[in-house]
Structures are given as structure tokens and as C-alpha cells.
Amino acid sequence: MNGERAAFPWEAVLHAGLCRMRLSAKDFWAMTPRELGFALGVLRPLPAVPGRQALAALMQAFPDNKE
């Protein structure tokens, strides 16, 4: 792509915000990109606690007993 970035998908974002989410134009344009990303499910909040696999990996990497 010669260092060019893809164009922002305005049509898809406008459709999602105004049609699918039924936001008013005022509410849509008041949202930050981060808020819109979370609302559309593109961004996800980080889990507050590690899952079982992550906890097991941490326990293995940092055992309580150092023998």
C-alpha cells in the first residue's frame, strides 16, 4: 500500500451508530471514538481478574515457595 493507510469506514460507522444503535445525530457525534468502539463491540474492556489459564501461568512463573 506504499505506506498509505486505509480510509476510515465512515459509511459503516454511521450506519451502525445511527441505524443499528438508533443514536440521535447529536448523541452519535458527541461520542468519543473509544466510546463508539466499546458500544459497537470493537473494543472490549480488560477483565478485572485473570482467567483460570492466566492465573495458572502466573502461578507457574512466580511460585510462592522458592526452593
C-alpha atoms as a PDB file:
ATOM      1  CA  MET A   1       0.000   0.000   0.000  1.00  0.00           C
ATOM      2  CA  ASN A   2       3.019   2.324  -0.249  1.00  0.00           C
ATOM      3  CA  GLY A   3       2.635   3.490   3.349  1.00  0.00           C
ATOM      4  CA  GLU A   4      -0.922   4.676   2.769  1.00  0.00           C
ATOM      5  CA  ARG A   5      -3.499   3.993   5.418  1.00  0.00           C
ATOM      6  CA  ALA A   6      -6.932   2.639   4.614  1.00  0.00           C
ATOM      7  CA  ALA A   7      -9.706   5.209   4.640  1.00  0.00           C
ATOM      8  CA  PHE A   8     -11.863   5.325   7.753  1.00  0.00           C
ATOM      9  CA  PRO A   9     -15.099   3.382   7.109  1.00  0.00           C
ATOM     10  CA  TRP A  10     -17.449   6.319   7.717  1.00  0.00           C
ATOM     11  CA  GLU A  11     -20.436   4.751   5.947  1.00  0.00           C
ATOM     12  CA  ALA A  12     -20.279   1.616   8.098  1.00  0.00           C
ATOM     13  CA  VAL A  13     -19.772   3.581  11.324  1.00  0.00           C
ATOM     14  CA  LEU A  14     -22.599   5.995  10.550  1.00  0.00           C
ATOM     15  CA  HIS A  15     -24.900   3.098   9.681  1.00  0.00           C
ATOM     16  CA  ALA A  16     -24.014   1.253  12.879  1.00  0.00           C
ATOM     17  CA  GLY A  17     -24.445   4.301  15.110  1.00  0.00           C
ATOM     18  CA  LEU A  18     -27.480   5.924  13.535  1.00  0.00           C
ATOM     19  CA  CYS A  19     -29.388   2.928  12.163  1.00  0.00           C
ATOM     20  CA  ARG A  20     -28.455  -0.134  14.192  1.00  0.00           C
ATOM     21  CA  MET A  21     -27.873   1.582  17.550  1.00  0.00           C
ATOM     22  CA  ARG A  22     -30.545   4.218  16.805  1.00  0.00           C
ATOM     23  CA  LEU A  23     -28.497   7.038  18.278  1.00  0.00           C
ATOM     24  CA  SER A  24     -29.553  10.582  17.565  1.00  0.00           C
ATOM     25  CA  ALA A  25     -27.115  12.539  15.425  1.00  0.00           C
ATOM     26  CA  LYS A  26     -26.334  14.692  18.467  1.00  0.00           C
ATOM     27  CA  ASP A  27     -25.507  11.646  20.615  1.00  0.00           C
ATOM     28  CA  PHE A  28     -23.538   9.967  17.836  1.00  0.00           C
ATOM     29  CA  TRP A  29     -21.279  12.966  17.231  1.00  0.00           C
ATOM     30  CA  ALA A  30     -20.862  13.532  20.989  1.00  0.00           C
ATOM     31  CA  MET A  31     -19.312  10.073  21.442  1.00  0.00           C
ATOM     32  CA  THR A  32     -15.568   9.668  21.570  1.00  0.00           C
ATOM     33  CA  PRO A  33     -14.008   7.087  19.236  1.00  0.00           C
ATOM     34  CA  ARG A  34     -13.275   4.926  22.299  1.00  0.00           C
ATOM     35  CA  GLU A  35     -16.918   5.080  23.467  1.00  0.00           C
ATOM     36  CA  LEU A  36     -18.136   4.191  19.995  1.00  0.00           C
ATOM     37  CA  GLY A  37     -15.658   1.313  19.794  1.00  0.00           C
ATOM     38  CA  PHE A  38     -16.929  -0.141  23.068  1.00  0.00           C
ATOM     39  CA  ALA A  39     -20.567   0.402  22.064  1.00  0.00           C
ATOM     40  CA  LEU A  40     -20.018  -1.401  18.754  1.00  0.00           C
ATOM     41  CA  GLY A  41     -18.101  -4.240  20.396  1.00  0.00           C
ATOM     42  CA  VAL A  42     -14.898  -3.458  18.503  1.00  0.00           C
ATOM     43  CA  LEU A  43     -13.122  -2.723  21.775  1.00  0.00           C
ATOM     44  CA  ARG A  44     -13.565  -4.847  24.853  1.00  0.00           C
ATOM     45  CA  PRO A  45     -12.763  -3.918  28.446  1.00  0.00           C
ATOM     46  CA  LEU A  46      -9.914  -5.819  30.017  1.00  0.00           C
ATOM     47  CA  PRO A  47     -11.058  -8.448  32.511  1.00  0.00           C
ATOM     48  CA  ALA A  48     -10.802  -7.309  36.122  1.00  0.00           C
ATOM     49  CA  VAL A  49      -9.245 -10.603  37.190  1.00  0.00           C
ATOM     50  CA  PRO A  50      -7.142 -13.107  35.288  1.00  0.00           C
ATOM     51  CA  GLY A  51      -8.878 -16.175  33.902  1.00  0.00           C
ATOM     52  CA  ARG A  52      -8.015 -19.688  35.035  1.00  0.00           C
ATOM     53  CA  GLN A  53      -5.314 -20.200  32.388  1.00  0.00           C
ATOM     54  CA  ALA A  54      -3.713 -16.816  33.020  1.00  0.00           C
ATOM     55  CA  LEU A  55      -3.713 -17.454  36.773  1.00  0.00           C
ATOM     56  CA  ALA A  56      -2.119 -20.888  36.289  1.00  0.00           C
ATOM     57  CA  ALA A  57       0.573 -19.338  34.084  1.00  0.00           C
ATOM     58  CA  LEU A  58       1.266 -16.651  36.681  1.00  0.00           C
ATOM     59  CA  MET A  59       1.430 -19.235  39.473  1.00  0.00           C
ATOM     60  CA  GLN A  60       3.917 -21.271  37.465  1.00  0.00           C
ATOM     61  CA  ALA A  61       6.032 -18.246  36.590  1.00  0.00           C
ATOM     62  CA  PHE A  62       6.010 -16.882  40.146  1.00  0.00           C
ATOM     63  CA  PRO A  63       5.687 -19.780  42.624  1.00  0.00           C
ATOM     64  CA  ASP A  64       5.234 -18.980  46.311  1.00  0.00           C
ATOM     65  CA  ASN A  65       7.926 -21.379  47.503  1.00  0.00           C
ATOM     66  CA  LYS A  66      11.412 -20.721  46.200  1.00  0.00           C
ATOM     67  CA  GLU A  67      13.287 -23.958  46.768  1.00  0.00           C
END
